[in-house]
């Protein structure tokens, strides 16, 4: 095979692959950071726009829905317009809509601008991972994905701290304005160093005469948009007690089945569902879904515990998470080095085993822990997470034609995001329902003849004696009830952590059985 006959085989980017990697990672960091900051700023946004807390949640939901719709179709769009052009359009749209979000005069306009921002953000991650997969040689992909992974896991770690600082010392509008200079810098560098390989240029030329699969596009958009609304609003609307949730569930199931059937038979599908016939890709997608659920669920877990039960401010709670982000940063280069020297399935197994042990250690959580203990809980988890993101991503590309790199990137990011939504939804629902169950159990044990209860009531009445006998007794019972609520919440948190520990432990033998990866010394992610 000569180079002249197949010039794409020997293709290399004009600029250093590491410069390209740093450039695309910049936009990733911006998008992921913005998502985590917006969560912290929600109460301030509601107050600033005279909206209720429930109405303000659509600021988050609108972004997630539009993001979920774009993710699975990003590969198809890239093949039609060119990946570099699509990527830069997404950066530009995200940057402009960020400025408009900060300028929004009311809630309705903010939600609209967040939809635009979600469309731009949804196309970033798949394009970036596709760029990395094509720019780096297979033996270098481990380090490339390690660099990319720094942004994905570090941004959510510092987001709450930075968001808390911004809303405490400035206006919530600045959580959007800070994206503008980063976006402009990303556009400038992307225009200089990012380029499409020859086979993508050929794919764009070949697709010009093809008809748009409008039915597939509509099915995908309705399926994943409905799923995101269900996961985001389910607990708030009491799940299937809500007619709205029932309708969206019916739409989601119908469109999801329709997507698989239609896209399976279509010669030019929007989403290549046949990729799931590849054992490594299917397993990697399942692992990435689980990683997303644990990563985002546990990221919400610790800050909410210390804020709602221990009285930490948003900024202080964010600082509990930040050392975990630095731990992941320190571990990522090591994992990137190991992934081309150790079979990836052993690294993934080590990651899930370590994560399960870290979560099980966290079941000792209580209301008397100090900030150092809470920080160490997160550090133990973060050290294990580093062994998951890079190997899972490299394994996903094994045995798949390079022309499908964009499809793989889009579906893997979709798996992580949907997994994150499922994890957070599971966390919120389980916390609310199990807290009520534990509270009922604790109250049943507090009979009037309980000597411990009587002793505690006497102590509290004495403490509130200045309020008068009747008021002191009322306050004492109020303090007892508050204590019961707190203890019920702690038991609920522990139950959730145990569930996460068990789920991650179950994956350890499954990975060893089902995942086939490279030999030591073989290039990671080779096709």
Protein backbone atom coordinates (compact mmCIF):
# COMPACT_ATOMS: atom_id res chain seq x y z
CA UNK A 1 0.00 0.00 0.00
CA UNK A 2 1.62 3.27 -1.04
CA UNK A 3 1.21 6.56 0.68
CA UNK A 4 0.10 8.14 -2.60
CA UNK A 5 -2.74 5.62 -2.95
CA UNK A 6 -3.89 6.10 0.64
CA UNK A 7 -2.63 9.45 1.89
CA UNK A 8 -4.96 9.37 4.90
CA UNK A 9 -3.11 6.38 6.35
CA UNK A 10 0.01 8.48 6.97
CA UNK A 11 -1.89 11.65 7.87
CA UNK A 12 -0.55 13.67 10.77
CA UNK A 13 -1.79 17.04 12.03
CA UNK A 14 0.18 20.11 10.95
CA UNK A 15 0.65 21.23 14.55
CA UNK A 16 1.77 19.40 17.67
CA UNK A 17 -0.94 16.97 18.84
CA UNK A 18 -0.43 18.26 22.39
CA UNK A 19 -1.18 21.82 21.29
CA UNK A 20 -4.37 20.57 19.62
CA UNK A 21 -5.24 18.63 22.79
CA UNK A 22 -4.76 21.66 25.04
CA UNK A 23 -6.87 23.78 22.70
CA UNK A 24 -9.90 21.49 22.67
CA UNK A 25 -9.58 20.80 26.41
CA UNK A 26 -9.98 24.53 27.07
CA UNK A 27 -13.55 24.51 25.73
CA UNK A 28 -14.36 21.31 27.64
CA UNK A 29 -13.28 22.90 30.88
CA UNK A 30 -15.41 25.97 30.16
CA UNK A 31 -18.56 23.94 29.44
CA UNK A 32 -18.29 21.51 32.36
CA UNK A 33 -17.35 24.28 34.79
CA UNK A 34 -20.36 26.37 33.74
CA UNK A 35 -22.72 23.46 34.40
CA UNK A 36 -21.47 22.89 37.94
CA UNK A 37 -21.42 26.62 38.77
CA UNK A 38 -25.03 27.08 37.63
CA UNK A 39 -26.19 24.47 40.16
CA UNK A 40 -24.77 26.52 43.05
CA UNK A 41 -26.14 29.83 41.77
CA UNK A 42 -29.74 28.66 41.30
CA UNK A 43 -31.20 30.29 44.48
CA UNK A 44 -29.51 33.59 43.59
CA UNK A 45 -30.87 33.42 40.02
CA UNK A 46 -34.38 32.81 41.37
CA UNK A 47 -34.12 35.78 43.72
CA UNK A 48 -32.58 38.07 41.10
CA UNK A 49 -35.32 37.36 38.55
CA UNK A 50 -38.23 37.27 41.03
CA UNK A 51 -38.92 33.61 40.31
CA UNK A 52 -39.77 30.69 42.56
CA UNK A 53 -37.21 27.95 43.23
CA UNK A 54 -39.31 25.50 41.19
CA UNK A 55 -39.49 27.87 38.20
CA UNK A 56 -35.76 28.49 38.40
CA UNK A 57 -34.98 24.77 38.05
CA UNK A 58 -35.90 25.13 34.37
CA UNK A 59 -32.64 27.07 34.05
CA UNK A 60 -30.93 23.71 34.61
CA UNK A 61 -33.51 21.50 32.88
CA UNK A 62 -33.60 23.54 29.66
CA UNK A 63 -29.82 23.22 29.30
CA UNK A 64 -29.79 19.49 30.04
CA UNK A 65 -32.60 18.73 27.59
CA UNK A 66 -31.07 20.60 24.63
CA UNK A 67 -27.67 19.13 25.54
CA UNK A 68 -29.08 15.58 25.56
CA UNK A 69 -30.72 16.11 22.16
CA UNK A 70 -27.53 17.33 20.46
CA UNK A 71 -25.12 14.76 21.91
CA UNK A 72 -26.29 11.69 19.95
CA UNK A 73 -26.64 13.56 16.64
CA UNK A 74 -23.38 15.53 16.83
CA UNK A 75 -21.47 12.89 14.83
CA UNK A 76 -24.05 13.06 12.03
CA UNK A 77 -23.89 16.86 11.91
CA UNK A 78 -20.08 16.76 11.84
CA UNK A 79 -20.11 14.44 8.84
CA UNK A 80 -22.36 16.88 6.95
CA UNK A 81 -20.67 20.21 7.68
CA UNK A 82 -17.16 19.14 8.74
CA UNK A 83 -16.02 18.52 12.29
CA UNK A 84 -13.85 21.63 12.68
CA UNK A 85 -16.61 23.88 11.38
CA UNK A 86 -19.19 22.20 13.63
CA UNK A 87 -16.89 22.38 16.64
CA UNK A 88 -16.12 26.07 16.19
CA UNK A 89 -19.81 26.81 15.62
CA UNK A 90 -20.58 25.11 18.95
CA UNK A 91 -17.90 27.12 20.76
CA UNK A 92 -19.22 30.35 19.20
CA UNK A 93 -22.84 29.52 20.07
CA UNK A 94 -21.91 28.58 23.64
CA UNK A 95 -19.91 31.80 24.08
CA UNK A 96 -22.56 34.13 22.62
CA UNK A 97 -25.41 32.46 24.51
CA UNK A 98 -23.36 32.67 27.74
CA UNK A 99 -23.18 36.43 27.32
CA UNK A 100 -26.92 36.57 26.59
CA UNK A 101 -27.64 34.45 29.70
CA UNK A 102 -25.79 36.99 31.83
CA UNK A 103 -27.70 39.82 30.16
CA UNK A 104 -31.14 38.12 30.44
CA UNK A 105 -33.76 40.55 31.84
CA UNK A 106 -36.24 37.85 32.95
CA UNK A 107 -36.57 34.12 33.54
CA UNK A 108 -38.21 33.36 30.20
CA UNK A 109 -35.36 34.86 28.19
CA UNK A 110 -32.77 33.18 30.43
CA UNK A 111 -34.36 29.76 29.79
CA UNK A 112 -34.35 30.41 26.03
CA UNK A 113 -30.69 31.43 26.08
CA UNK A 114 -29.87 28.35 28.18
CA UNK A 115 -31.45 26.18 25.46
CA UNK A 116 -29.08 27.78 22.94
CA UNK A 117 -26.19 27.31 25.35
CA UNK A 118 -27.09 23.63 25.75
CA UNK A 119 -27.13 23.15 21.97
CA UNK A 120 -23.63 24.61 21.75
CA UNK A 121 -22.36 22.69 24.77
CA UNK A 122 -23.82 19.39 23.53
CA UNK A 123 -21.64 19.43 20.44
CA UNK A 124 -18.38 20.24 22.22
CA UNK A 125 -17.44 17.03 24.04
CA UNK A 126 -18.11 14.56 21.17
CA UNK A 127 -16.20 16.75 18.70
CA UNK A 128 -13.29 17.15 21.11
CA UNK A 129 -12.93 13.43 21.81
CA UNK A 130 -13.16 12.68 18.09
CA UNK A 131 -10.44 15.26 17.44
CA UNK A 132 -8.21 13.67 20.08
CA UNK A 133 -8.79 10.14 18.73
CA UNK A 134 -7.82 11.20 15.21
CA UNK A 135 -5.00 13.58 16.13
CA UNK A 136 -3.05 11.24 18.41
CA UNK A 137 -1.48 7.96 17.39
CA UNK A 138 -3.09 4.94 19.10
CA UNK A 139 -0.14 4.50 21.49
CA UNK A 140 -0.53 8.13 22.65
CA UNK A 141 -4.28 8.12 23.16
CA UNK A 142 -4.03 7.15 26.82
CA UNK A 143 -2.12 10.33 27.66
CA UNK A 144 -4.40 12.39 25.38
CA UNK A 145 -7.54 11.20 27.13
CA UNK A 146 -5.80 11.72 30.48
CA UNK A 147 -5.31 15.39 29.61
CA UNK A 148 -8.92 15.65 28.46
CA UNK A 149 -10.08 13.84 31.60
CA UNK A 150 -8.47 16.49 33.79
CA UNK A 151 -11.01 19.00 32.52
CA UNK A 152 -13.98 16.62 32.81
CA UNK A 153 -13.37 15.67 36.45
CA UNK A 154 -11.59 18.76 37.75
CA UNK A 155 -14.14 21.34 36.58
CA UNK A 156 -17.03 19.88 38.65
CA UNK A 157 -14.72 19.75 41.66
CA UNK A 158 -13.85 23.45 41.67
CA UNK A 159 -17.20 24.60 40.22
CA UNK A 160 -19.09 24.77 43.54
CA UNK A 161 -16.24 26.69 45.21
CA UNK A 162 -15.88 29.16 42.35
CA UNK A 163 -19.64 29.49 41.98
CA UNK A 164 -20.06 30.10 45.70
CA UNK A 165 -17.37 32.78 45.62
CA UNK A 166 -18.87 34.53 42.59
CA UNK A 167 -22.43 34.67 43.92
CA UNK A 168 -21.21 35.71 47.40
CA UNK A 169 -18.93 38.50 46.16
CA UNK A 170 -20.44 39.57 42.82
CA UNK A 171 -23.60 38.91 40.79
CA UNK A 172 -24.91 35.56 39.54
CA UNK A 173 -24.64 37.03 36.04
CA UNK A 174 -20.86 36.66 36.21
CA UNK A 175 -21.12 32.86 36.22
CA UNK A 176 -22.06 33.29 32.55
CA UNK A 177 -19.90 36.29 31.68
CA UNK A 178 -16.68 34.46 32.65
CA UNK A 179 -17.24 32.11 29.69
CA UNK A 180 -16.85 34.91 27.15
CA UNK A 181 -13.05 35.46 27.26
CA UNK A 182 -12.43 31.70 27.48
CA UNK A 183 -14.69 31.09 24.49
CA UNK A 184 -12.97 33.80 22.42
CA UNK A 185 -9.55 32.33 23.23
CA UNK A 186 -10.80 28.84 22.33
CA UNK A 187 -12.13 30.08 18.98
CA UNK A 188 -8.85 31.80 18.15
CA UNK A 189 -6.64 28.80 18.90
CA UNK A 190 -9.07 26.32 17.31
CA UNK A 191 -9.04 28.25 14.04
CA UNK A 192 -5.24 28.05 14.05
CA UNK A 193 -4.48 24.44 15.05
CA UNK A 194 -7.55 22.19 14.62
CA UNK A 195 -8.00 20.47 11.25
CA UNK A 196 -10.07 17.66 9.78
CA UNK A 197 -8.27 14.51 8.58
CA UNK A 198 -8.69 13.49 4.90
CA UNK A 199 -11.23 10.75 5.59
CA UNK A 200 -13.58 13.24 7.27
CA UNK A 201 -13.24 15.60 4.32
CA UNK A 202 -14.13 12.68 2.04
CA UNK A 203 -17.07 11.75 4.25
CA UNK A 204 -18.37 15.31 4.01
CA UNK A 205 -18.12 15.19 0.22
CA UNK A 206 -19.87 11.79 0.07
CA UNK A 207 -22.75 12.98 2.26
CA UNK A 208 -23.69 15.96 0.10
CA UNK A 209 -26.04 14.00 -2.11
CA UNK A 210 -27.69 12.06 0.69
CA UNK A 211 -31.15 12.86 1.98
CA UNK A 212 -31.53 13.94 5.57
CA UNK A 213 -32.97 11.26 7.83
CA UNK A 214 -35.61 13.56 9.31
CA UNK A 215 -37.55 10.74 10.97
CA UNK A 216 -34.44 9.43 12.72
CA UNK A 217 -33.53 12.97 13.77
CA UNK A 218 -36.99 13.54 15.25
CA UNK A 219 -37.05 10.18 17.07
CA UNK A 220 -33.64 10.77 18.65
CA UNK A 221 -34.52 14.32 19.74
CA UNK A 222 -37.85 13.29 21.29
CA UNK A 223 -36.42 10.17 22.97
CA UNK A 224 -33.50 11.79 24.75
CA UNK A 225 -35.22 15.11 25.37
CA UNK A 226 -38.13 13.31 27.07
CA UNK A 227 -35.76 11.10 29.07
CA UNK A 228 -33.90 14.13 30.41
CA UNK A 229 -37.14 15.84 31.46
CA UNK A 230 -38.30 12.65 33.24
CA UNK A 231 -35.05 12.32 35.18
CA UNK A 232 -34.86 16.00 36.05
CA UNK A 233 -38.49 16.58 37.09
CA UNK A 234 -39.51 13.09 38.26
CA UNK A 235 -38.97 13.42 42.01
CA UNK A 236 -40.32 16.96 42.08
CA UNK A 237 -43.57 15.81 40.41
CA UNK A 238 -43.74 12.49 42.34
CA UNK A 239 -42.84 10.43 39.29
CA UNK A 240 -45.75 8.45 37.79
CA UNK A 241 -48.29 10.22 39.98
CA UNK A 242 -47.83 13.09 37.54
CA UNK A 243 -49.70 12.88 34.20
CA UNK A 244 -46.91 14.95 32.64
CA UNK A 245 -44.26 12.38 33.64
CA UNK A 246 -46.46 9.53 32.37
CA UNK A 247 -46.87 11.23 28.98
CA UNK A 248 -43.14 11.93 28.64
CA UNK A 249 -42.37 8.32 29.63
CA UNK A 250 -44.69 6.99 26.90
CA UNK A 251 -43.09 9.33 24.36
CA UNK A 252 -39.59 8.34 25.49
CA UNK A 253 -40.19 4.57 25.31
CA UNK A 254 -41.96 4.78 21.94
CA UNK A 255 -39.29 6.99 20.40
CA UNK A 256 -36.41 4.98 21.91
CA UNK A 257 -37.72 1.73 20.42
CA UNK A 258 -38.48 3.52 17.18
CA UNK A 259 -34.94 4.94 17.07
CA UNK A 260 -33.34 1.51 17.43
CA UNK A 261 -35.60 -0.13 14.80
CA UNK A 262 -35.40 2.71 12.29
CA UNK A 263 -31.69 3.51 12.65
CA UNK A 264 -30.72 -0.18 12.57
CA UNK A 265 -32.15 -0.54 9.06
CA UNK A 266 -31.28 2.92 7.71
CA UNK A 267 -28.31 3.04 5.29
CA UNK A 268 -27.17 6.46 6.62
CA UNK A 269 -28.35 6.59 10.24
CA UNK A 270 -28.27 9.63 12.49
CA UNK A 271 -27.03 7.35 15.29
CA UNK A 272 -25.13 4.17 14.40
CA UNK A 273 -26.82 1.76 16.82
CA UNK A 274 -24.96 -1.15 15.22
CA UNK A 275 -21.88 -0.05 17.16
CA UNK A 276 -23.40 -1.84 20.16
CA UNK A 277 -22.69 -5.14 18.41
CA UNK A 278 -19.04 -4.44 19.20
CA UNK A 279 -18.45 -6.09 22.57
CA UNK A 280 -15.83 -3.62 23.75
CA UNK A 281 -17.87 -0.57 22.79
CA UNK A 282 -21.08 -1.89 24.37
CA UNK A 283 -19.25 -2.76 27.60
CA UNK A 284 -17.44 0.60 27.62
CA UNK A 285 -20.74 2.46 27.17
CA UNK A 286 -22.24 0.56 30.14
CA UNK A 287 -19.15 1.32 32.24
CA UNK A 288 -19.23 5.00 31.26
CA UNK A 289 -22.93 5.18 32.18
CA UNK A 290 -22.11 3.74 35.61
CA UNK A 291 -19.13 6.06 36.02
CA UNK A 292 -21.35 9.05 35.19
CA UNK A 293 -23.94 7.96 37.75
CA UNK A 294 -21.36 7.49 40.51
CA UNK A 295 -19.28 10.55 39.59
CA UNK A 296 -22.14 13.06 39.46
CA UNK A 297 -24.16 11.37 42.22
CA UNK A 298 -21.23 11.34 44.65
CA UNK A 299 -20.24 14.88 43.64
CA UNK A 300 -23.68 16.05 44.81
CA UNK A 301 -23.59 13.78 47.87
CA UNK A 302 -20.86 15.31 50.03
CA UNK A 303 -21.60 19.05 49.45
CA UNK A 304 -25.31 18.54 50.10
CA UNK A 305 -24.59 16.59 53.30
CA UNK A 306 -22.30 19.27 54.76
CA UNK A 307 -24.56 22.13 53.62
CA UNK A 308 -27.98 20.84 54.66
CA UNK A 309 -26.98 18.92 57.81
CA UNK A 310 -23.80 20.63 59.01
CA UNK A 311 -24.46 24.23 58.00
CA UNK A 312 -21.54 24.78 55.60
CA UNK A 313 -21.73 27.67 53.15
CA UNK A 314 -21.69 26.92 49.41
CA UNK A 315 -18.11 28.17 49.15
CA UNK A 316 -16.91 26.09 52.12
CA UNK A 317 -18.72 23.01 50.84
CA UNK A 318 -17.03 23.46 47.48
CA UNK A 319 -13.64 23.56 49.18
CA UNK A 320 -14.35 20.09 50.59
CA UNK A 321 -14.52 18.81 46.99
CA UNK A 322 -11.59 20.74 45.52
CA UNK A 323 -8.75 18.57 46.92
CA UNK A 324 -10.40 15.58 45.24
CA UNK A 325 -10.06 17.39 41.91
CA UNK A 326 -6.36 17.99 42.53
CA UNK A 327 -5.96 14.32 43.43
CA UNK A 328 -7.46 13.31 40.10
CA UNK A 329 -5.18 15.76 38.31
CA UNK A 330 -2.16 14.16 39.96
CA UNK A 331 -3.30 10.63 39.08
CA UNK A 332 -4.34 11.22 35.45
CA UNK A 333 -0.81 11.38 33.94
CA UNK A 334 0.09 8.15 35.73
CA UNK A 335 -2.98 6.40 34.35
CA UNK A 336 -2.29 7.80 30.88
CA UNK A 337 1.22 6.31 31.10
CA UNK A 338 -0.04 2.93 32.34
CA UNK A 339 -2.89 2.49 29.88
CA UNK A 340 -0.55 1.56 27.00
CA UNK A 341 1.51 -0.78 29.20
CA UNK A 342 -1.09 -2.60 31.31
CA UNK A 343 -4.24 -4.25 29.89
CA UNK A 344 -6.97 -1.63 30.28
CA UNK A 345 -9.43 -4.04 31.86
CA UNK A 346 -7.13 -4.47 34.86
CA UNK A 347 -6.90 -0.70 35.32
CA UNK A 348 -10.70 -0.42 35.08
CA UNK A 349 -11.11 -3.30 37.53
CA UNK A 350 -8.71 -1.58 39.94
CA UNK A 351 -10.68 1.65 39.57
CA UNK A 352 -14.08 0.12 40.33
CA UNK A 353 -12.67 -1.96 43.22
CA UNK A 354 -11.01 1.10 44.73
CA UNK A 355 -14.15 3.19 44.24
CA UNK A 356 -16.27 0.54 45.96
CA UNK A 357 -13.88 0.45 48.94
CA UNK A 358 -13.81 4.27 49.12
CA UNK A 359 -17.61 4.42 49.14
CA UNK A 360 -17.83 1.68 51.76
CA UNK A 361 -15.36 3.61 53.94
CA UNK A 362 -17.65 6.63 53.56
CA UNK A 363 -20.55 4.76 55.21
CA UNK A 364 -19.03 5.87 58.55
CA UNK A 365 -20.20 9.42 57.77
CA UNK A 366 -21.96 11.24 60.62
CA UNK A 367 -22.80 14.71 61.93
CA UNK A 368 -19.60 14.93 63.98
CA UNK A 369 -17.11 14.63 61.11
CA UNK A 370 -14.69 17.52 60.62
CA UNK A 371 -13.87 19.17 57.26
CA UNK A 372 -10.68 17.12 56.95
CA UNK A 373 -12.62 13.84 57.17
CA UNK A 374 -15.16 14.98 54.58
CA UNK A 375 -12.31 16.03 52.28
CA UNK A 376 -10.57 12.66 52.66
CA UNK A 377 -13.78 10.84 51.72
CA UNK A 378 -13.69 12.67 48.39
CA UNK A 379 -9.95 12.21 47.87
CA UNK A 380 -10.26 8.43 48.21
CA UNK A 381 -13.01 8.42 45.57
CA UNK A 382 -11.13 10.79 43.25
CA UNK A 383 -8.01 8.59 43.27
CA UNK A 384 -10.07 5.66 41.98
CA UNK A 385 -12.00 7.72 39.42
CA UNK A 386 -8.72 8.51 37.64
CA UNK A 387 -8.35 4.80 36.82
CA UNK A 388 -11.72 4.72 35.07
CA UNK A 389 -12.17 7.65 32.71
CA UNK A 390 -9.04 7.19 30.59
CA UNK A 391 -9.06 3.36 30.15
CA UNK A 392 -12.82 3.22 29.46
CA UNK A 393 -12.50 5.83 26.72
CA UNK A 394 -9.51 4.15 25.09
CA UNK A 395 -11.20 0.72 25.11
CA UNK A 396 -14.29 2.15 23.38
CA UNK A 397 -12.29 2.77 20.19
CA UNK A 398 -10.81 -0.75 20.00
CA UNK A 399 -11.79 -2.65 16.86
CA UNK A 400 -13.98 0.17 15.49
CA UNK A 401 -13.21 1.81 12.10
CA UNK A 402 -11.74 5.28 12.48
CA UNK A 403 -14.60 6.69 10.37
CA UNK A 404 -16.83 5.95 13.38
CA UNK A 405 -14.71 7.97 15.86
CA UNK A 406 -17.26 10.80 15.91
CA UNK A 407 -20.11 8.37 16.57
CA UNK A 408 -18.19 6.72 19.42
CA UNK A 409 -17.38 10.08 21.00
CA UNK A 410 -21.00 11.23 20.86
CA UNK A 411 -22.43 8.01 22.30
CA UNK A 412 -19.83 7.76 25.08
CA UNK A 413 -20.51 11.32 26.20
CA UNK A 414 -24.23 10.66 26.01
CA UNK A 415 -23.76 7.58 28.22
CA UNK A 416 -21.84 9.62 30.79
CA UNK A 417 -24.35 12.48 30.84
CA UNK A 418 -27.44 10.26 31.01
CA UNK A 419 -25.70 8.20 33.69
CA UNK A 420 -25.06 11.41 35.63
CA UNK A 421 -28.73 12.41 35.36
CA UNK A 422 -29.82 8.94 36.50
CA UNK A 423 -27.37 9.06 39.42
CA UNK A 424 -28.55 12.45 40.62
CA UNK A 425 -32.22 11.48 40.15
CA UNK A 426 -31.65 8.26 42.11
CA UNK A 427 -29.90 10.22 44.85
CA UNK A 428 -32.64 12.85 45.20
CA UNK A 429 -35.51 10.35 45.09
CA UNK A 430 -33.93 7.83 47.45
CA UNK A 431 -32.92 10.52 49.92
CA UNK A 432 -36.43 11.97 50.11
CA UNK A 433 -38.24 8.64 50.45
CA UNK A 434 -35.83 6.82 52.73
CA UNK A 435 -35.57 9.87 55.03
CA UNK A 436 -39.32 9.70 55.57
CA UNK A 437 -39.16 5.95 56.20
CA UNK A 438 -36.32 6.25 58.73
CA UNK A 439 -38.06 9.17 60.38
CA UNK A 440 -41.19 7.09 60.94
CA UNK A 441 -39.11 4.27 62.39
CA UNK A 442 -37.30 6.61 64.79
CA UNK A 443 -40.53 8.27 65.91
CA UNK A 444 -42.08 4.85 66.63
CA UNK A 445 -39.25 4.23 69.10
CA UNK A 446 -39.83 7.45 70.99
CA UNK A 447 -42.62 6.42 73.36
CA UNK A 448 -43.51 8.67 76.29
CA UNK A 449 -42.24 5.99 78.69
CA UNK A 450 -38.76 5.99 77.13
CA UNK A 451 -36.40 7.06 79.94
CA UNK A 452 -33.79 8.40 77.51
CA UNK A 453 -36.42 10.61 75.88
CA UNK A 454 -37.66 11.89 79.22
CA UNK A 455 -34.12 12.71 80.35
CA UNK A 456 -33.38 14.57 77.12
CA UNK A 457 -36.66 16.51 77.34
CA UNK A 458 -35.82 17.55 80.90
CA UNK A 459 -32.39 18.80 79.80
CA UNK A 460 -33.87 20.78 76.91
CA UNK A 461 -36.64 22.26 79.06
CA UNK A 462 -34.02 23.49 81.47
CA UNK A 463 -32.07 25.02 78.60
CA UNK A 464 -35.22 26.82 77.36
CA UNK A 465 -36.46 27.74 80.86
CA UNK A 466 -36.14 31.46 80.15
CA UNK A 467 -39.06 31.16 77.68
CA UNK A 468 -41.52 29.99 80.34
CA UNK A 469 -42.72 26.44 81.21
CA UNK A 470 -45.18 25.96 78.31
CA UNK A 471 -42.93 27.45 75.64
CA UNK A 472 -39.90 25.59 77.00
CA UNK A 473 -41.69 22.24 76.58
CA UNK A 474 -42.76 23.15 73.02
CA UNK A 475 -39.22 24.15 72.09
CA UNK A 476 -37.84 20.97 73.66
CA UNK A 477 -40.14 18.81 71.54
CA UNK A 478 -39.19 20.88 68.49
CA UNK A 479 -35.49 20.26 69.13
CA UNK A 480 -36.16 16.51 69.55
CA UNK A 481 -38.05 16.42 66.24
CA UNK A 482 -35.27 18.29 64.44
CA UNK A 483 -32.76 15.79 65.81
CA UNK A 484 -34.93 12.93 64.54
CA UNK A 485 -35.05 14.52 61.08
CA UNK A 486 -31.27 14.91 61.03
CA UNK A 487 -30.63 11.33 62.12
CA UNK A 488 -33.10 10.04 59.52
CA UNK A 489 -31.28 12.03 56.83
CA UNK A 490 -27.90 10.66 57.94
CA UNK A 491 -29.23 7.08 57.76
CA UNK A 492 -30.56 7.83 54.26
CA UNK A 493 -27.18 9.13 53.09
CA UNK A 494 -25.49 6.02 54.47
CA UNK A 495 -28.01 3.79 52.66
CA UNK A 496 -27.37 5.56 49.34
CA UNK A 497 -23.60 5.27 49.78
CA UNK A 498 -23.95 1.55 50.51
CA UNK A 499 -26.01 1.11 47.33
CA UNK A 500 -23.35 2.87 45.26
CA UNK A 501 -20.63 0.73 46.86
CA UNK A 502 -22.48 -2.48 46.02
CA UNK A 503 -23.14 -1.44 42.40
CA UNK A 504 -19.49 -0.58 41.78
CA UNK A 505 -18.39 -3.86 43.42
CA UNK A 506 -20.66 -5.87 41.11
CA UNK A 507 -18.84 -4.47 38.07
CA UNK A 508 -15.46 -5.86 39.16
CA UNK A 509 -16.05 -9.51 38.07
CA UNK A 510 -18.15 -8.42 35.07
CA UNK A 511 -15.24 -6.38 33.67
CA UNK A 512 -12.85 -9.32 33.94
CA UNK A 513 -15.36 -11.59 32.17
CA UNK A 514 -16.65 -9.41 29.35
CA UNK A 515 -14.00 -6.84 28.47
CA UNK A 516 -11.31 -7.69 25.91
CA UNK A 517 -8.51 -5.16 25.77
CA UNK A 518 -4.97 -4.69 24.55
CA UNK A 519 -1.96 -6.76 25.59
CA UNK A 520 0.76 -5.03 27.63
CA UNK A 521 2.85 -3.04 25.24
CA UNK A 522 0.19 -2.95 22.53
CA UNK A 523 -1.08 0.48 21.55
CA UNK A 524 -4.06 1.57 23.57
CA UNK A 525 -7.08 2.22 21.47
CA UNK A 526 -5.71 0.69 18.33
CA UNK A 527 -8.23 -0.19 15.63
